[in-house]
Amino acid sequence: MKAIHAQASSPAVGACPARDSHPGHRSLRKGRASVPNGVYLVTTITLERNRLFTDFAVGCAAARCFEDADLLGDARMLAWVLMPDHAHWLLQLGERDPLKRVVNRLKSASARHVNRVRGTYGAIWAKAFHDHGLRGEEDLRDTARYVVANPLRAGMVNRVGDYPFWNAVWL
């Protein structure tokens, strides 16, 4: 797997209580199931859609977590992209940990690293996240291409390779 394209991967720390009671967050959890070995497209946004990751050092701090084997446990990161105010992860679960546990570890660790770089404390991610379990007929590579092409669709770069914060196992 290729290194981060950078030059120099429960809620995040200190969840905001007002966010906990948001009815939209409850609806995101309805019907959520973690299927062992299932593949999920996960989207998580920063708290209040703050554009934290326009700062290169902050983006590097978060992105380092996305492929950390200790955080993933027996799950596998297939593709990811870190945008200025959100992240997309294409994850394949293992046998042990449910999706929520893997996502919470990624969010918590990346929040700690980001806060260390910024000299701040507290939540950086919104409490909830959106997930879509891929069905057998959905092509993993097409989904990975969709994930890593986010900066292109947002008009941030002309080529995916020009964007520093993404990766996919098929490279």
N, C-alpha and C. Protein backbone atom coordinates (compact mmCIF):
# COMPACT_ATOMS: atom_id res chain seq x y z
N MET A 1 0.84 -1.17 0.00
CA MET A 1 0.00 0.00 0.00
C MET A 1 0.88 1.24 0.00
N LYS A 2 0.53 2.19 -0.78
CA LYS A 2 1.30 3.40 -0.96
C LYS A 2 1.20 4.29 0.28
N ALA A 3 2.25 5.04 0.56
CA ALA A 3 2.28 5.95 1.71
C ALA A 3 1.35 7.12 1.45
N ILE A 4 1.06 7.87 2.50
CA ILE A 4 0.23 9.07 2.38
C ILE A 4 0.84 9.97 1.33
N HIS A 5 0.00 10.56 0.52
CA HIS A 5 0.44 11.41 -0.57
C HIS A 5 0.76 12.79 -0.04
N ALA A 6 1.61 12.87 0.95
CA ALA A 6 1.94 14.15 1.57
C ALA A 6 3.45 14.27 1.63
N GLN A 7 3.88 15.49 1.69
CA GLN A 7 5.31 15.73 1.86
C GLN A 7 5.50 16.14 3.31
N ALA A 8 6.21 15.99 3.97
CA ALA A 8 6.66 16.60 5.24
C ALA A 8 8.05 16.35 5.33
N SER A 9 -4.21 8.81 7.86
CA SER A 9 -5.03 7.70 7.27
C SER A 9 -6.16 7.28 8.25
N SER A 10 -17.51 5.61 19.51
CA SER A 10 -18.05 6.71 20.34
C SER A 10 -17.57 8.00 19.80
N PRO A 11 -17.78 8.99 20.07
CA PRO A 11 -17.43 10.25 19.49
C PRO A 11 -15.96 10.53 19.67
N ALA A 12 -15.52 11.52 18.93
CA ALA A 12 -14.16 11.99 19.13
C ALA A 12 -14.05 12.60 20.53
N VAL A 13 -12.87 12.93 20.89
CA VAL A 13 -12.60 13.47 22.22
C VAL A 13 -13.55 14.61 22.54
N GLY A 14 -14.19 14.56 23.71
CA GLY A 14 -15.02 15.67 24.19
C GLY A 14 -16.24 15.94 23.36
N ALA A 15 -17.12 14.95 23.16
CA ALA A 15 -18.31 15.14 22.34
C ALA A 15 -19.17 16.27 22.87
N CYS A 16 -19.78 16.98 21.96
CA CYS A 16 -20.64 18.11 22.30
C CYS A 16 -22.02 17.58 22.68
N PRO A 17 -22.51 17.84 23.91
CA PRO A 17 -23.79 17.29 24.33
C PRO A 17 -24.95 17.70 23.43
N ALA A 18 -24.94 18.90 22.90
CA ALA A 18 -26.04 19.33 22.02
C ALA A 18 -26.12 18.45 20.79
N ARG A 19 -25.00 17.98 20.31
CA ARG A 19 -24.98 17.12 19.14
C ARG A 19 -25.58 15.74 19.45
N ASP A 20 -25.42 15.28 20.69
CA ASP A 20 -25.89 13.96 21.06
C ASP A 20 -27.40 13.81 20.89
N SER A 21 -28.13 14.88 21.08
CA SER A 21 -29.58 14.78 21.05
C SER A 21 -30.18 15.14 19.70
N HIS A 22 -29.38 15.41 18.72
CA HIS A 22 -29.86 15.78 17.40
C HIS A 22 -30.62 14.61 16.79
N PRO A 23 -31.89 14.80 16.38
CA PRO A 23 -32.67 13.68 15.85
C PRO A 23 -32.08 13.07 14.58
N GLY A 24 -31.37 13.85 13.80
CA GLY A 24 -30.75 13.30 12.59
C GLY A 24 -29.69 12.27 12.92
N HIS A 25 -29.01 12.46 14.04
CA HIS A 25 -27.98 11.51 14.44
C HIS A 25 -28.61 10.18 14.82
N ARG A 26 -29.75 10.23 15.50
CA ARG A 26 -30.44 8.98 15.85
C ARG A 26 -30.89 8.25 14.60
N SER A 27 -31.36 8.99 13.60
CA SER A 27 -31.85 8.33 12.39
C SER A 27 -30.71 7.67 11.63
N LEU A 28 -29.48 8.20 11.74
CA LEU A 28 -28.35 7.57 11.08
C LEU A 28 -28.06 6.20 11.67
N ARG A 29 -28.42 5.99 12.95
CA ARG A 29 -28.14 4.71 13.60
C ARG A 29 -29.24 3.68 13.37
N LYS A 30 -30.41 4.10 12.91
CA LYS A 30 -31.52 3.16 12.69
C LYS A 30 -31.13 2.12 11.67
N GLY A 31 -31.30 0.87 12.03
CA GLY A 31 -31.04 -0.21 11.09
C GLY A 31 -29.57 -0.48 10.83
N ARG A 32 -28.69 0.19 11.57
CA ARG A 32 -27.25 -0.02 11.36
C ARG A 32 -26.89 -1.42 11.83
N ALA A 33 -26.23 -2.14 10.96
CA ALA A 33 -25.78 -3.48 11.30
C ALA A 33 -24.32 -3.60 10.87
N SER A 34 -23.57 -4.32 11.66
CA SER A 34 -22.18 -4.59 11.31
C SER A 34 -22.07 -6.05 10.92
N VAL A 35 -21.81 -6.29 9.67
CA VAL A 35 -21.69 -7.65 9.18
C VAL A 35 -20.19 -7.99 9.12
N PRO A 36 -19.77 -9.02 9.84
CA PRO A 36 -18.36 -9.40 9.77
C PRO A 36 -17.93 -9.58 8.31
N ASN A 37 -16.76 -9.03 7.99
CA ASN A 37 -16.19 -9.05 6.64
C ASN A 37 -16.95 -8.19 5.64
N GLY A 38 -17.98 -7.47 6.10
CA GLY A 38 -18.73 -6.58 5.22
C GLY A 38 -17.90 -5.36 4.85
N VAL A 39 -18.23 -4.76 3.72
CA VAL A 39 -17.55 -3.55 3.26
C VAL A 39 -18.51 -2.38 3.39
N TYR A 40 -18.00 -1.29 3.96
CA TYR A 40 -18.81 -0.11 4.25
C TYR A 40 -18.13 1.15 3.73
N LEU A 41 -18.94 2.00 3.12
CA LEU A 41 -18.50 3.34 2.77
C LEU A 41 -18.96 4.24 3.90
N VAL A 42 -18.02 4.85 4.60
CA VAL A 42 -18.31 5.67 5.77
C VAL A 42 -17.97 7.12 5.44
N THR A 43 -18.86 8.03 5.83
CA THR A 43 -18.61 9.46 5.72
C THR A 43 -18.77 10.06 7.10
N THR A 44 -17.79 10.84 7.51
CA THR A 44 -17.86 11.56 8.78
C THR A 44 -17.45 13.00 8.52
N ILE A 45 -18.12 13.92 9.19
CA ILE A 45 -17.85 15.34 8.99
C ILE A 45 -17.20 15.91 10.25
N THR A 46 -16.52 17.02 10.06
CA THR A 46 -15.96 17.72 11.21
C THR A 46 -17.08 18.40 11.97
N LEU A 47 -16.83 18.65 13.23
CA LEU A 47 -17.79 19.35 14.07
C LEU A 47 -18.09 20.71 13.45
N GLU A 48 -19.36 20.97 13.25
CA GLU A 48 -19.84 22.22 12.64
C GLU A 48 -19.23 22.49 11.26
N ARG A 49 -18.82 21.42 10.59
CA ARG A 49 -18.23 21.48 9.24
C ARG A 49 -17.04 22.43 9.17
N ASN A 50 -16.29 22.53 10.28
CA ASN A 50 -15.08 23.33 10.28
C ASN A 50 -14.10 22.77 9.26
N ARG A 51 -13.48 23.65 8.49
CA ARG A 51 -12.56 23.26 7.43
C ARG A 51 -11.14 23.12 7.99
N LEU A 52 -10.99 22.20 8.93
CA LEU A 52 -9.72 22.01 9.64
C LEU A 52 -8.60 21.55 8.73
N PHE A 53 -8.93 20.75 7.73
CA PHE A 53 -7.90 20.06 6.96
C PHE A 53 -7.40 20.85 5.75
N THR A 54 -7.72 22.14 5.72
CA THR A 54 -7.06 23.01 4.74
C THR A 54 -5.64 23.31 5.21
N ASP A 55 -5.39 23.13 6.50
CA ASP A 55 -4.05 23.26 7.07
C ASP A 55 -3.32 21.93 6.82
N PHE A 56 -2.22 21.98 6.08
CA PHE A 56 -1.51 20.78 5.66
C PHE A 56 -1.06 19.93 6.85
N ALA A 57 -0.49 20.56 7.87
CA ALA A 57 0.00 19.81 9.04
C ALA A 57 -1.15 19.13 9.77
N VAL A 58 -2.27 19.79 9.84
CA VAL A 58 -3.46 19.21 10.51
C VAL A 58 -3.98 18.03 9.68
N GLY A 59 -4.02 18.19 8.37
CA GLY A 59 -4.43 17.09 7.50
C GLY A 59 -3.51 15.89 7.63
N CYS A 60 -2.21 16.14 7.69
CA CYS A 60 -1.24 15.05 7.87
C CYS A 60 -1.48 14.32 9.19
N ALA A 61 -1.75 15.07 10.24
CA ALA A 61 -1.97 14.47 11.56
C ALA A 61 -3.17 13.53 11.54
N ALA A 62 -4.24 13.94 10.89
CA ALA A 62 -5.44 13.09 10.82
C ALA A 62 -5.20 11.90 9.90
N ALA A 63 -4.63 12.16 8.73
CA ALA A 63 -4.47 11.11 7.72
C ALA A 63 -3.58 9.97 8.19
N ARG A 64 -2.60 10.25 9.03
CA ARG A 64 -1.71 9.20 9.54
C ARG A 64 -2.48 8.09 10.26
N CYS A 65 -3.62 8.43 10.80
CA CYS A 65 -4.40 7.45 11.57
C CYS A 65 -5.17 6.47 10.68
N PHE A 66 -5.47 6.86 9.46
CA PHE A 66 -6.43 6.10 8.66
C PHE A 66 -5.94 4.73 8.21
N GLU A 67 -4.65 4.49 8.26
CA GLU A 67 -4.12 3.19 7.88
C GLU A 67 -3.37 2.51 9.03
N ASP A 68 -3.56 3.02 10.22
CA ASP A 68 -2.88 2.49 11.40
C ASP A 68 -3.48 1.14 11.78
N ALA A 69 -2.68 0.08 11.70
CA ALA A 69 -3.16 -1.28 11.96
C ALA A 69 -3.70 -1.44 13.37
N ASP A 70 -3.11 -0.75 14.34
CA ASP A 70 -3.61 -0.84 15.72
C ASP A 70 -5.02 -0.28 15.84
N LEU A 71 -5.30 0.80 15.12
CA LEU A 71 -6.63 1.41 15.16
C LEU A 71 -7.65 0.59 14.38
N LEU A 72 -7.22 0.05 13.27
CA LEU A 72 -8.14 -0.73 12.42
C LEU A 72 -8.46 -2.08 13.04
N GLY A 73 -7.58 -2.60 13.86
CA GLY A 73 -7.80 -3.94 14.42
C GLY A 73 -7.76 -4.94 13.29
N ASP A 74 -8.81 -5.76 13.19
CA ASP A 74 -8.83 -6.74 12.10
C ASP A 74 -9.61 -6.23 10.88
N ALA A 75 -9.99 -4.94 10.91
CA ALA A 75 -10.61 -4.32 9.73
C ALA A 75 -9.50 -3.90 8.77
N ARG A 76 -9.89 -3.58 7.56
CA ARG A 76 -8.94 -3.19 6.52
C ARG A 76 -9.45 -1.94 5.82
N MET A 77 -8.57 -0.94 5.70
CA MET A 77 -8.91 0.29 4.99
C MET A 77 -8.64 0.04 3.51
N LEU A 78 -9.67 0.09 2.69
CA LEU A 78 -9.52 -0.15 1.25
C LEU A 78 -9.23 1.13 0.48
N ALA A 79 -9.85 2.22 0.91
CA ALA A 79 -9.62 3.52 0.27
C ALA A 79 -10.08 4.60 1.23
N TRP A 80 -9.49 5.78 1.09
CA TRP A 80 -9.90 6.91 1.93
C TRP A 80 -9.53 8.21 1.24
N VAL A 81 -10.24 9.26 1.64
CA VAL A 81 -9.90 10.62 1.24
C VAL A 81 -10.26 11.53 2.41
N LEU A 82 -9.39 12.49 2.65
CA LEU A 82 -9.64 13.50 3.69
C LEU A 82 -9.86 14.83 2.99
N MET A 83 -11.07 15.34 3.10
CA MET A 83 -11.44 16.61 2.50
C MET A 83 -11.33 17.70 3.57
N PRO A 84 -11.47 18.97 3.21
CA PRO A 84 -11.30 20.04 4.21
C PRO A 84 -12.20 19.90 5.44
N ASP A 85 -13.42 19.37 5.26
CA ASP A 85 -14.34 19.29 6.40
C ASP A 85 -14.99 17.92 6.57
N HIS A 86 -14.47 16.90 5.92
CA HIS A 86 -15.01 15.56 6.10
C HIS A 86 -14.03 14.51 5.59
N ALA A 87 -14.36 13.27 5.90
CA ALA A 87 -13.55 12.14 5.43
C ALA A 87 -14.47 11.06 4.90
N HIS A 88 -13.99 10.33 3.90
CA HIS A 88 -14.66 9.13 3.40
C HIS A 88 -13.70 7.97 3.59
N TRP A 89 -14.22 6.88 4.12
CA TRP A 89 -13.43 5.67 4.31
C TRP A 89 -14.16 4.50 3.70
N LEU A 90 -13.49 3.71 2.91
CA LEU A 90 -14.02 2.45 2.40
C LEU A 90 -13.36 1.36 3.23
N LEU A 91 -14.12 0.79 4.15
CA LEU A 91 -13.60 -0.14 5.14
C LEU A 91 -14.17 -1.53 4.95
N GLN A 92 -13.32 -2.53 5.11
CA GLN A 92 -13.80 -3.90 5.18
C GLN A 92 -13.60 -4.37 6.61
N LEU A 93 -14.69 -4.72 7.26
CA LEU A 93 -14.60 -5.20 8.63
C LEU A 93 -13.95 -6.57 8.68
N GLY A 94 -13.41 -6.89 9.84
CA GLY A 94 -12.91 -8.23 10.10
C GLY A 94 -13.97 -9.01 10.84
N GLU A 95 -13.56 -9.94 11.62
CA GLU A 95 -14.47 -10.80 12.39
C GLU A 95 -14.80 -10.22 13.76
N ARG A 96 -13.89 -9.41 14.33
CA ARG A 96 -14.03 -9.01 15.74
C ARG A 96 -14.86 -7.77 15.98
N ASP A 97 -14.45 -6.65 15.42
CA ASP A 97 -15.00 -5.36 15.82
C ASP A 97 -16.13 -4.90 14.93
N PRO A 98 -17.21 -4.40 15.53
CA PRO A 98 -18.29 -3.82 14.73
C PRO A 98 -17.86 -2.48 14.13
N LEU A 99 -18.56 -2.05 13.12
CA LEU A 99 -18.24 -0.82 12.41
C LEU A 99 -18.11 0.37 13.37
N LYS A 100 -19.05 0.52 14.27
CA LYS A 100 -19.04 1.66 15.19
C LYS A 100 -17.73 1.72 15.98
N ARG A 101 -17.24 0.59 16.43
CA ARG A 101 -16.01 0.57 17.22
C ARG A 101 -14.81 0.99 16.38
N VAL A 102 -14.73 0.50 15.14
CA VAL A 102 -13.61 0.87 14.26
C VAL A 102 -13.65 2.36 13.95
N VAL A 103 -14.83 2.86 13.59
CA VAL A 103 -14.97 4.28 13.26
C VAL A 103 -14.63 5.13 14.48
N ASN A 104 -15.11 4.75 15.64
CA ASN A 104 -14.82 5.53 16.84
C ASN A 104 -13.33 5.57 17.15
N ARG A 105 -12.63 4.47 16.94
CA ARG A 105 -11.18 4.48 17.17
C ARG A 105 -10.48 5.42 16.19
N LEU A 106 -10.89 5.38 14.92
CA LEU A 106 -10.29 6.27 13.91
C LEU A 106 -10.56 7.74 14.25
N LYS A 107 -11.78 8.03 14.62
CA LYS A 107 -12.14 9.42 14.95
C LYS A 107 -11.43 9.89 16.21
N SER A 108 -11.39 9.06 17.23
CA SER A 108 -10.75 9.46 18.49
C SER A 108 -9.26 9.69 18.32
N ALA A 109 -8.58 8.76 17.68
CA ALA A 109 -7.13 8.89 17.50
C ALA A 109 -6.79 10.09 16.62
N SER A 110 -7.54 10.26 15.53
CA SER A 110 -7.24 11.39 14.65
C SER A 110 -7.53 12.71 15.37
N ALA A 111 -8.54 12.75 16.22
CA ALA A 111 -8.82 13.97 17.00
C ALA A 111 -7.65 14.27 17.95
N ARG A 112 -7.13 13.25 18.60
CA ARG A 112 -5.99 13.46 19.50
C ARG A 112 -4.78 14.02 18.74
N HIS A 113 -4.48 13.43 17.58
CA HIS A 113 -3.35 13.88 16.78
C HIS A 113 -3.56 15.31 16.26
N VAL A 114 -4.75 15.60 15.79
CA VAL A 114 -5.06 16.94 15.29
C VAL A 114 -4.96 17.96 16.41
N ASN A 115 -5.53 17.64 17.56
CA ASN A 115 -5.47 18.57 18.69
C ASN A 115 -4.03 18.82 19.13
N ARG A 116 -3.20 17.80 19.09
CA ARG A 116 -1.79 17.97 19.46
C ARG A 116 -1.11 18.96 18.51
N VAL A 117 -1.37 18.82 17.21
CA VAL A 117 -0.77 19.72 16.22
C VAL A 117 -1.30 21.14 16.38
N ARG A 118 -2.58 21.26 16.65
CA ARG A 118 -3.22 22.58 16.75
C ARG A 118 -3.04 23.23 18.11
N GLY A 119 -2.64 22.45 19.12
CA GLY A 119 -2.55 22.98 20.47
C GLY A 119 -3.92 23.22 21.07
N THR A 120 -4.88 22.36 20.69
CA THR A 120 -6.25 22.51 21.17
C THR A 120 -6.69 21.23 21.88
N TYR A 121 -7.91 21.24 22.37
CA TYR A 121 -8.49 20.10 23.06
C TYR A 121 -9.95 20.01 22.66
N GLY A 122 -10.47 18.79 22.56
CA GLY A 122 -11.89 18.62 22.33
C GLY A 122 -12.21 17.93 21.02
N ALA A 123 -13.48 17.86 20.75
CA ALA A 123 -13.98 17.17 19.56
C ALA A 123 -13.56 17.90 18.30
N ILE A 124 -13.23 17.13 17.29
CA ILE A 124 -13.03 17.71 15.96
C ILE A 124 -14.05 17.13 14.99
N TRP A 125 -14.57 15.93 15.28
CA TRP A 125 -15.54 15.26 14.42
C TRP A 125 -16.93 15.38 15.02
N ALA A 126 -17.94 15.48 14.16
CA ALA A 126 -19.32 15.37 14.61
C ALA A 126 -19.52 13.96 15.18
N LYS A 127 -20.43 13.83 16.10
CA LYS A 127 -20.63 12.55 16.77
C LYS A 127 -21.07 11.46 15.81
N ALA A 128 -21.99 11.76 14.95
CA ALA A 128 -22.57 10.75 14.06
C ALA A 128 -21.69 10.53 12.84
N PHE A 129 -22.00 9.48 12.11
CA PHE A 129 -21.37 9.23 10.82
C PHE A 129 -22.39 8.51 9.96
N HIS A 130 -22.21 8.61 8.67
CA HIS A 130 -23.10 7.93 7.72
C HIS A 130 -22.35 6.71 7.19
N ASP A 131 -23.06 5.60 7.06
CA ASP A 131 -22.42 4.42 6.46
C ASP A 131 -23.36 3.80 5.45
N HIS A 132 -22.76 3.19 4.45
CA HIS A 132 -23.50 2.46 3.42
C HIS A 132 -22.81 1.11 3.27
N GLY A 133 -23.51 0.05 3.58
CA GLY A 133 -22.96 -1.29 3.39
C GLY A 133 -23.03 -1.66 1.93
N LEU A 134 -21.90 -1.99 1.34
CA LEU A 134 -21.89 -2.36 -0.07
C LEU A 134 -22.48 -3.75 -0.26
N ARG A 135 -23.29 -3.87 -1.28
CA ARG A 135 -23.89 -5.16 -1.62
C ARG A 135 -22.99 -5.86 -2.63
N GLY A 136 -23.20 -7.12 -2.79
CA GLY A 136 -22.36 -7.94 -3.67
C GLY A 136 -22.22 -7.41 -5.08
N GLU A 137 -23.27 -6.80 -5.61
CA GLU A 137 -23.21 -6.34 -7.00
C GLU A 137 -22.49 -5.00 -7.15
N GLU A 138 -22.21 -4.33 -6.04
CA GLU A 138 -21.51 -3.06 -6.11
C GLU A 138 -20.01 -3.31 -6.24
N ASP A 139 -19.41 -2.64 -7.19
CA ASP A 139 -18.00 -2.85 -7.47
C ASP A 139 -17.13 -2.05 -6.50
N LEU A 140 -16.23 -2.75 -5.81
CA LEU A 140 -15.35 -2.11 -4.84
C LEU A 140 -14.45 -1.07 -5.49
N ARG A 141 -13.89 -1.41 -6.64
CA ARG A 141 -12.98 -0.47 -7.30
C ARG A 141 -13.71 0.79 -7.76
N ASP A 142 -14.94 0.64 -8.27
CA ASP A 142 -15.71 1.82 -8.66
C ASP A 142 -15.99 2.70 -7.45
N THR A 143 -16.31 2.08 -6.32
CA THR A 143 -16.57 2.84 -5.10
C THR A 143 -15.29 3.52 -4.63
N ALA A 144 -14.17 2.83 -4.70
CA ALA A 144 -12.88 3.43 -4.32
C ALA A 144 -12.56 4.62 -5.23
N ARG A 145 -12.81 4.47 -6.52
CA ARG A 145 -12.57 5.58 -7.45
C ARG A 145 -13.44 6.78 -7.09
N TYR A 146 -14.69 6.50 -6.74
CA TYR A 146 -15.60 7.56 -6.32
C TYR A 146 -15.04 8.28 -5.09
N VAL A 147 -14.55 7.51 -4.12
CA VAL A 147 -14.01 8.09 -2.89
C VAL A 147 -12.82 9.00 -3.20
N VAL A 148 -11.83 8.47 -3.90
CA VAL A 148 -10.61 9.25 -4.11
C VAL A 148 -10.79 10.39 -5.12
N ALA A 149 -11.86 10.36 -5.90
CA ALA A 149 -12.12 11.44 -6.87
C ALA A 149 -12.85 12.62 -6.24
N ASN A 150 -13.14 12.58 -4.95
CA ASN A 150 -13.82 13.69 -4.29
C ASN A 150 -13.16 15.04 -4.53
N PRO A 151 -11.84 15.16 -4.41
CA PRO A 151 -11.21 16.47 -4.66
C PRO A 151 -11.40 16.96 -6.10
N LEU A 152 -11.47 16.03 -7.05
CA LEU A 152 -11.75 16.41 -8.45
C LEU A 152 -13.15 16.99 -8.58
N ARG A 153 -14.13 16.26 -8.03
CA ARG A 153 -15.52 16.73 -8.12
C ARG A 153 -15.72 18.05 -7.41
N ALA A 154 -14.93 18.30 -6.36
CA ALA A 154 -15.04 19.56 -5.62
C ALA A 154 -14.28 20.70 -6.30
N GLY A 155 -13.58 20.39 -7.40
CA GLY A 155 -12.84 21.42 -8.13
C GLY A 155 -11.58 21.87 -7.42
N MET A 156 -11.07 21.04 -6.51
CA MET A 156 -9.88 21.41 -5.74
C MET A 156 -8.58 21.13 -6.50
N VAL A 157 -8.60 20.15 -7.40
CA VAL A 157 -7.43 19.76 -8.18
C VAL A 157 -7.89 19.34 -9.58
N ASN A 158 -6.94 19.26 -10.49
CA ASN A 158 -7.24 18.78 -11.84
C ASN A 158 -6.95 17.30 -12.01
N ARG A 159 -6.10 16.76 -11.14
CA ARG A 159 -5.76 15.34 -11.15
C ARG A 159 -5.78 14.83 -9.72
N VAL A 160 -6.26 13.61 -9.51
CA VAL A 160 -6.28 13.03 -8.18
C VAL A 160 -4.89 13.04 -7.56
N GLY A 161 -3.88 12.75 -8.35
CA GLY A 161 -2.51 12.71 -7.85
C GLY A 161 -1.99 14.03 -7.31
N ASP A 162 -2.68 15.12 -7.64
CA ASP A 162 -2.28 16.43 -7.13
C ASP A 162 -2.79 16.70 -5.72
N TYR A 163 -3.70 15.85 -5.25
CA TYR A 163 -4.29 16.05 -3.91
C TYR A 163 -3.50 15.21 -2.90
N PRO A 164 -3.14 15.77 -1.75
CA PRO A 164 -2.23 15.06 -0.85
C PRO A 164 -2.86 14.00 0.06
N PHE A 165 -4.17 14.02 0.27
CA PHE A 165 -4.75 13.19 1.33
C PHE A 165 -5.72 12.14 0.81
N TRP A 166 -5.17 11.06 0.29
CA TRP A 166 -6.00 9.93 -0.16
C TRP A 166 -5.12 8.71 -0.33
N ASN A 167 -5.77 7.55 -0.42
CA ASN A 167 -5.06 6.32 -0.74
C ASN A 167 -6.09 5.24 -1.09
N ALA A 168 -5.64 4.23 -1.79
CA ALA A 168 -6.46 3.06 -2.12
C ALA A 168 -5.55 1.85 -2.25
N VAL A 169 -6.01 0.71 -1.83
CA VAL A 169 -5.17 -0.50 -1.84
C VAL A 169 -4.86 -0.98 -3.25
N TRP A 170 -5.56 -0.51 -4.25
CA TRP A 170 -5.36 -0.99 -5.62
C TRP A 170 -4.22 -0.29 -6.33
N LEU A 171 -3.51 0.57 -5.65
CA LEU A 171 -2.40 1.30 -6.28
C LEU A 171 -1.12 0.51 -6.19
